[in-house]
Amino acid sequence: MCGIIGVTGVPDAARVAYLGLYSLQHRGQESGGMVAVDGEGVARSHRGMGLVSDIFNERVLSDLPGDVAIGHTRYSTAGTSVLANAQPMLARYREGPLALAHNGNLTNAVQLRSDLVAKGSLFQSSSDSEVLVHLIARSEAREPEDQLLDALERVEGAYSLLITVGRTLYAIVDPRGFRPLVLGRLGRGWVVASETCALDITGATPVRELEPGDFVRIHGEEVDQLPRLPARPPRRCVFELVYFSRPDSTVFHRSVDRVRRALGHELAREHPAPGADCVFSVPDSSNAMALGFSEESGTKLEHALIRNHYVGRTFIHPAQAGRMAKVKIKFNPVREVLQGKKVVVVDDSIVRGTTSRALVQLIRQAGAAEVHFRVASPPITGPCYYGIDTPTKGELIGSSHDVMQIREHLGVDTLGYLSLDGMLRAAGGDPADFCHACFSGDYPTEIPEDLERARNAAPLLAAIPS
């Protein structure tokens, strides 16, 4: 998962984009970068590993002049965690400097890359996004818009893109609309970002969310809707609403906070915990879910886990060893709340089970008499091929173990997962508009064998480690 932002027609666009990247930090903590274009069409780039605060400072921003900029925060779902894979990518191009920031995953990138290498292309990274740059450069079309279309006709999968060609900014969403992108107005200029929270921090006013297949060109004050990409059934990623997006964002025309409260209501109806003394969340993404559970069930809402906000999101840490270490310092129980109590713990999802197991141990050690674990989504049973870090089935505890086995592994008195239907009801709208492949196995695109082998290479766990 990544966060992207584009700014155009705004003085010191890099500083505005920098603010936006701060609000998109939750979408990627591995690397980040920015490309700024000045009035003469000169593009300058700065990329680095780590957090936005580690990568940018006053000196760096002063070296990125111009009224056009795009920025990116990344964690890897395709390609290794190295600086060469940090974005935005910047290339010399016959129409002027070309910069590209990509959120999503291209499912046919392996085959496309192989074909391009056979034809003489030299790749500088292992990221699937670089495939797009080469496809654009090889197009024989005359106009930049047609060159972009030529490239996009050959790729499959998920892509929300911000591309600058010279001083023109393009915003593109794949025909199924897996990942969000929103357009906002800032003075006489424009801001395009993954989430509305990035518009809020920059002071931009939301104008509209880009729909599946949208292809928008922004030059100066003008916004042109170009011919849409060939239509496909929409498949918005439901996990954006469950986990990834910030609760203060509006994503897919829905308040993330309200959807998460609705998930909590559905969860309480499907898996009540009679006799429980209190309910609390695993902060922060499940806060609203615990509130919804409390509202529906009448169970007292408490703050029983305190999160250290100076530690990153453990789920998106690239290395498992780092994830395990961070769990131990990320949360601390409030013993006065837990001592002798029958508690309900609400979390948004269980991916690998390592975090949840450690949390339950903390809660038990703090004196909880009973622990009832409630999950506001179904078991994750398959990898995501569209931009979420679930690379092998062997890492997904829900792929090879039933609820009873998972309950025993976590060490809880009861365990309840929200049903697929309940999750989709909470999301609202037409359930068919969502991608829920990681829960249901219903993938909306064909998954090439080479990609499937790569993502499922690790053997399934024969038994859950103790």
Foldseek 3Di string as FASTA:
>chain_A
DKKKKKWAQAWLRVVLQLLLLVQRQLVAFFKKKKWAAAPVLDIDIFIDTGTSVVGDDPVVSVVRGHRIMMMMHDFDPWFDRDRLPYDQDWDQAPQGIKTKDKFKFWQCLVVLVVVVVVVPDDDSGRGSVVSQVSQLRPDPDDDSVVSSLSSLVPTDFWIFMWMDRRNKIKTFGAQQRAFWKWWWDDPLIIMIIRWCVSCVSSVTHTDGIDDRQWIWMDHNSDIDTDDGDPHDQHAYALVCLLARPDQPTQTPNHRSLQLLLLLLLLQCVVDNDPPFQAEEEPDDSNRSSSVSVCVNRVHHYDHFKDFDPVQHDLQRDPDPVVSLVCLVVGIATDLVVAAAGAYEYEYAADFQLSSLLVVLVRSVVSHHPAYEYEYSAAQQADDDNIHHNQQANQRGPSNPDDLVQSCVSSVHPYYYYRDHVSSLVSVDDDSSNHDPCRRVVDDSDDRDPVSNCRSHVDDHDPHDDD
